[in-house]
Amino acid sequence: MPTTKKDYEDGATVLKKLISWLRKSRLGPMKEVANTLKKFRTEILSYFYSRLTNAITKGINSLIQSAKRRAIGFGALEGYICMIYLVVGKLDLNCPELFG
């Protein structure tokens, strides 16, 4: 679905208002959020052109973190890497029927 110029402009307007509102806060963490949003403004607004997000990357990272928890006790990087391949690679490890 192509994005219109209006979508981008609306997004930019809302982001600008949000940053302004956060900067007026008396809370330091809110001001940090405002600075982060301003720093990544271009990347945030690029969504309105590409409609791409990092959801797939986040999903893969979640699987890797799961593999990391499963690999506790292997004691070696190789075990961790093997567990990542097993979890993220979605390998089909079903045994074939030997006795038909």
N, C-alpha and C. Protein backbone atom coordinates (compact mmCIF):
# COMPACT_ATOMS: atom_id res chain seq x y z
N MET A 1 0.84 -1.17 0.00
CA MET A 1 0.00 0.00 0.00
C MET A 1 0.89 1.24 0.00
N PRO A 2 0.83 2.01 -1.06
CA PRO A 2 1.68 3.21 -1.12
C PRO A 2 1.26 4.24 -0.08
N THR A 3 2.23 4.94 0.41
CA THR A 3 2.00 5.96 1.43
C THR A 3 1.91 7.32 0.76
N THR A 4 0.99 8.10 1.24
CA THR A 4 0.85 9.44 0.69
C THR A 4 1.74 10.42 1.43
N LYS A 5 1.96 11.53 0.79
CA LYS A 5 2.75 12.59 1.42
C LYS A 5 2.05 13.07 2.69
N LYS A 6 0.70 13.05 2.67
CA LYS A 6 -0.06 13.49 3.83
C LYS A 6 0.20 12.59 5.05
N ASP A 7 0.32 11.26 4.83
CA ASP A 7 0.62 10.37 5.94
C ASP A 7 1.94 10.75 6.60
N TYR A 8 2.95 11.01 5.78
CA TYR A 8 4.26 11.38 6.30
C TYR A 8 4.17 12.70 7.06
N GLU A 9 3.50 13.67 6.49
CA GLU A 9 3.38 14.99 7.14
C GLU A 9 2.60 14.89 8.44
N ASP A 10 1.54 14.08 8.45
CA ASP A 10 0.77 13.88 9.69
C ASP A 10 1.64 13.22 10.75
N GLY A 11 2.40 12.22 10.35
CA GLY A 11 3.30 11.55 11.29
C GLY A 11 4.34 12.50 11.85
N ALA A 12 4.90 13.34 10.97
CA ALA A 12 5.91 14.30 11.41
C ALA A 12 5.31 15.31 12.39
N THR A 13 4.08 15.73 12.14
CA THR A 13 3.41 16.68 13.03
C THR A 13 3.17 16.07 14.40
N VAL A 14 2.65 14.85 14.42
CA VAL A 14 2.37 14.18 15.69
C VAL A 14 3.66 13.94 16.46
N LEU A 15 4.71 13.50 15.76
CA LEU A 15 5.98 13.25 16.43
C LEU A 15 6.55 14.54 17.02
N LYS A 16 6.45 15.63 16.28
CA LYS A 16 6.95 16.92 16.77
C LYS A 16 6.20 17.35 18.03
N LYS A 17 4.88 17.18 18.03
CA LYS A 17 4.07 17.54 19.20
C LYS A 17 4.43 16.66 20.40
N LEU A 18 4.63 15.37 20.15
CA LEU A 18 4.98 14.44 21.23
C LEU A 18 6.33 14.82 21.84
N ILE A 19 7.30 15.09 20.99
CA ILE A 19 8.63 15.48 21.49
C ILE A 19 8.54 16.76 22.32
N SER A 20 7.77 17.72 21.83
CA SER A 20 7.60 18.98 22.56
C SER A 20 6.95 18.74 23.92
N TRP A 21 5.92 17.91 23.94
CA TRP A 21 5.22 17.62 25.19
C TRP A 21 6.15 16.92 26.18
N LEU A 22 6.94 15.96 25.69
CA LEU A 22 7.86 15.23 26.56
C LEU A 22 8.96 16.15 27.11
N ARG A 23 9.42 17.07 26.31
CA ARG A 23 10.49 17.98 26.75
C ARG A 23 10.02 18.93 27.85
N LYS A 24 8.72 19.22 27.89
CA LYS A 24 8.18 20.12 28.91
C LYS A 24 7.96 19.41 30.24
N SER A 25 8.12 18.11 30.25
CA SER A 25 7.93 17.33 31.46
C SER A 25 8.98 17.69 32.50
N ARG A 26 8.62 17.53 33.77
CA ARG A 26 9.58 17.76 34.84
C ARG A 26 10.38 16.49 35.14
N LEU A 27 10.03 15.41 34.48
CA LEU A 27 10.69 14.13 34.73
C LEU A 27 11.85 13.93 33.76
N GLY A 28 13.02 13.68 34.31
CA GLY A 28 14.21 13.48 33.51
C GLY A 28 14.08 12.35 32.49
N PRO A 29 13.53 11.17 32.89
CA PRO A 29 13.40 10.08 31.92
C PRO A 29 12.54 10.45 30.71
N MET A 30 11.52 11.28 30.93
CA MET A 30 10.67 11.70 29.80
C MET A 30 11.45 12.59 28.84
N LYS A 31 12.31 13.43 29.40
CA LYS A 31 13.14 14.27 28.54
C LYS A 31 14.13 13.42 27.75
N GLU A 32 14.62 12.33 28.37
CA GLU A 32 15.51 11.42 27.66
C GLU A 32 14.79 10.74 26.50
N VAL A 33 13.52 10.37 26.73
CA VAL A 33 12.73 9.77 25.65
C VAL A 33 12.57 10.78 24.51
N ALA A 34 12.31 12.02 24.85
CA ALA A 34 12.17 13.06 23.83
C ALA A 34 13.45 13.19 23.01
N ASN A 35 14.59 13.17 23.69
CA ASN A 35 15.86 13.27 22.97
C ASN A 35 16.09 12.07 22.07
N THR A 36 15.71 10.89 22.54
CA THR A 36 15.87 9.68 21.73
C THR A 36 14.97 9.74 20.50
N LEU A 37 13.72 10.16 20.70
CA LEU A 37 12.82 10.28 19.55
C LEU A 37 13.33 11.30 18.54
N LYS A 38 13.87 12.39 19.03
CA LYS A 38 14.41 13.41 18.12
C LYS A 38 15.63 12.86 17.38
N LYS A 39 16.47 12.13 18.09
CA LYS A 39 17.67 11.56 17.49
C LYS A 39 17.32 10.60 16.35
N PHE A 40 16.25 9.81 16.54
CA PHE A 40 15.86 8.81 15.54
C PHE A 40 14.66 9.24 14.71
N ARG A 41 14.43 10.53 14.62
CA ARG A 41 13.29 11.08 13.90
C ARG A 41 13.22 10.57 12.46
N THR A 42 14.33 10.62 11.76
CA THR A 42 14.37 10.19 10.36
C THR A 42 13.98 8.72 10.23
N GLU A 43 14.54 7.89 11.10
CA GLU A 43 14.24 6.46 11.05
C GLU A 43 12.78 6.18 11.39
N ILE A 44 12.24 6.90 12.36
CA ILE A 44 10.84 6.72 12.74
C ILE A 44 9.93 7.10 11.59
N LEU A 45 10.20 8.24 10.99
CA LEU A 45 9.34 8.71 9.91
C LEU A 45 9.52 7.92 8.62
N SER A 46 10.62 7.21 8.48
CA SER A 46 10.81 6.40 7.27
C SER A 46 9.76 5.30 7.17
N TYR A 47 9.16 4.94 8.28
CA TYR A 47 8.08 3.95 8.26
C TYR A 47 6.97 4.37 7.31
N PHE A 48 6.68 5.66 7.24
CA PHE A 48 5.58 6.14 6.42
C PHE A 48 5.86 5.98 4.92
N TYR A 49 7.12 5.80 4.55
CA TYR A 49 7.47 5.54 3.16
C TYR A 49 7.57 4.04 2.89
N SER A 50 8.22 3.32 3.75
CA SER A 50 8.51 1.90 3.47
C SER A 50 7.49 0.95 4.09
N ARG A 51 6.83 1.35 5.17
CA ARG A 51 5.93 0.49 5.94
C ARG A 51 6.65 -0.74 6.48
N LEU A 52 7.96 -0.62 6.63
CA LEU A 52 8.75 -1.71 7.18
C LEU A 52 9.04 -1.44 8.65
N THR A 53 9.04 -2.51 9.44
CA THR A 53 9.40 -2.41 10.85
C THR A 53 10.50 -3.43 11.14
N ASN A 54 10.98 -3.43 12.35
CA ASN A 54 11.99 -4.40 12.73
C ASN A 54 11.37 -5.57 13.48
N ALA A 55 10.10 -5.85 13.23
CA ALA A 55 9.39 -6.91 13.94
C ALA A 55 10.03 -8.28 13.71
N ILE A 56 10.45 -8.55 12.48
CA ILE A 56 11.07 -9.85 12.18
C ILE A 56 12.37 -9.99 12.97
N THR A 57 13.16 -8.92 12.99
CA THR A 57 14.41 -8.95 13.74
C THR A 57 14.15 -9.18 15.22
N LYS A 58 13.15 -8.51 15.76
CA LYS A 58 12.80 -8.69 17.17
C LYS A 58 12.36 -10.12 17.44
N GLY A 59 11.60 -10.70 16.51
CA GLY A 59 11.16 -12.08 16.67
C GLY A 59 12.32 -13.06 16.69
N ILE A 60 13.26 -12.87 15.77
CA ILE A 60 14.44 -13.74 15.72
C ILE A 60 15.26 -13.57 16.99
N ASN A 61 15.41 -12.34 17.46
CA ASN A 61 16.15 -12.09 18.70
C ASN A 61 15.48 -12.80 19.88
N SER A 62 14.16 -12.80 19.90
CA SER A 62 13.44 -13.50 20.97
C SER A 62 13.75 -14.99 20.93
N LEU A 63 13.80 -15.57 19.73
CA LEU A 63 14.14 -16.99 19.61
C LEU A 63 15.57 -17.26 20.07
N ILE A 64 16.48 -16.34 19.73
CA ILE A 64 17.88 -16.50 20.14
C ILE A 64 18.00 -16.41 21.66
N GLN A 65 17.26 -15.51 22.29
CA GLN A 65 17.30 -15.40 23.74
C GLN A 65 16.75 -16.68 24.39
N SER A 66 15.73 -17.26 23.77
CA SER A 66 15.19 -18.53 24.25
C SER A 66 16.25 -19.62 24.14
N ALA A 67 16.96 -19.65 23.02
CA ALA A 67 18.03 -20.63 22.83
C ALA A 67 19.12 -20.43 23.86
N LYS A 68 19.40 -19.19 24.19
CA LYS A 68 20.43 -18.88 25.19
C LYS A 68 20.06 -19.48 26.54
N ARG A 69 18.78 -19.35 26.90
CA ARG A 69 18.33 -19.92 28.17
C ARG A 69 18.42 -21.45 28.15
N ARG A 70 18.11 -22.04 27.00
CA ARG A 70 18.17 -23.50 26.89
C ARG A 70 19.60 -24.01 26.90
N ALA A 71 20.53 -23.17 26.45
CA ALA A 71 21.92 -23.61 26.32
C ALA A 71 22.71 -23.47 27.62
N ILE A 72 22.07 -23.02 28.68
CA ILE A 72 22.78 -22.86 29.95
C ILE A 72 23.33 -24.22 30.38
N GLY A 73 24.58 -24.23 30.73
CA GLY A 73 25.21 -25.46 31.16
C GLY A 73 26.07 -26.11 30.11
N PHE A 74 25.94 -25.69 28.87
CA PHE A 74 26.80 -26.26 27.83
C PHE A 74 28.23 -25.81 28.03
N GLY A 75 28.42 -24.61 28.55
CA GLY A 75 29.75 -24.13 28.92
C GLY A 75 30.64 -23.73 27.76
N ALA A 76 30.16 -23.82 26.54
CA ALA A 76 30.99 -23.45 25.41
C ALA A 76 30.16 -22.67 24.40
N LEU A 77 30.82 -21.79 23.71
CA LEU A 77 30.15 -20.99 22.69
C LEU A 77 29.56 -21.88 21.60
N GLU A 78 30.24 -22.98 21.29
CA GLU A 78 29.76 -23.87 20.24
C GLU A 78 28.38 -24.45 20.58
N GLY A 79 28.17 -24.78 21.85
CA GLY A 79 26.87 -25.29 22.28
C GLY A 79 25.78 -24.25 22.11
N TYR A 80 26.10 -23.01 22.45
CA TYR A 80 25.16 -21.91 22.30
C TYR A 80 24.82 -21.71 20.83
N ILE A 81 25.82 -21.73 19.98
CA ILE A 81 25.60 -21.54 18.55
C ILE A 81 24.74 -22.68 17.99
N CYS A 82 25.02 -23.91 18.39
CA CYS A 82 24.23 -25.05 17.93
C CYS A 82 22.77 -24.91 18.36
N MET A 83 22.56 -24.46 19.60
CA MET A 83 21.19 -24.29 20.09
C MET A 83 20.48 -23.20 19.29
N ILE A 84 21.17 -22.14 18.92
CA ILE A 84 20.56 -21.08 18.10
C ILE A 84 20.12 -21.66 16.76
N TYR A 85 21.00 -22.45 16.13
CA TYR A 85 20.63 -23.06 14.84
C TYR A 85 19.41 -23.97 14.99
N LEU A 86 19.36 -24.72 16.07
CA LEU A 86 18.23 -25.63 16.27
C LEU A 86 16.92 -24.87 16.48
N VAL A 87 16.98 -23.78 17.24
CA VAL A 87 15.76 -23.04 17.55
C VAL A 87 15.35 -22.13 16.40
N VAL A 88 16.27 -21.33 15.89
CA VAL A 88 15.95 -20.35 14.86
C VAL A 88 15.80 -21.00 13.49
N GLY A 89 16.58 -22.06 13.24
CA GLY A 89 16.54 -22.71 11.94
C GLY A 89 15.29 -23.51 11.68
N LYS A 90 14.50 -23.78 12.72
CA LYS A 90 13.26 -24.54 12.61
C LYS A 90 13.48 -25.81 11.80
N LEU A 91 14.50 -26.54 12.17
CA LEU A 91 14.83 -27.77 11.48
C LEU A 91 13.78 -28.83 11.76
N ASP A 92 13.47 -29.63 10.76
CA ASP A 92 12.55 -30.74 10.93
C ASP A 92 13.38 -31.97 11.27
N LEU A 93 13.34 -32.37 12.52
CA LEU A 93 14.17 -33.47 12.99
C LEU A 93 13.36 -34.75 13.19
N ASN A 94 12.22 -34.86 12.54
CA ASN A 94 11.42 -36.06 12.66
C ASN A 94 12.13 -37.24 12.00
N CYS A 95 12.12 -38.36 12.67
CA CYS A 95 12.74 -39.56 12.12
C CYS A 95 11.82 -40.18 11.09
N PRO A 96 12.38 -40.72 10.01
CA PRO A 96 11.53 -41.39 9.01
C PRO A 96 11.02 -42.71 9.59
N GLU A 97 9.91 -43.12 9.06
CA GLU A 97 9.37 -44.41 9.50
C GLU A 97 10.22 -45.53 8.95
N LEU A 98 10.75 -46.35 9.82
CA LEU A 98 11.61 -47.43 9.39
C LEU A 98 10.84 -48.71 9.10
N PHE A 99 9.75 -48.86 9.81
CA PHE A 99 8.99 -50.11 9.67
C PHE A 99 7.57 -49.76 9.22
N GLY A 100 7.41 -49.60 7.96
CA GLY A 100 6.27 -49.15 7.30
C GLY A 100 4.94 -49.48 7.58
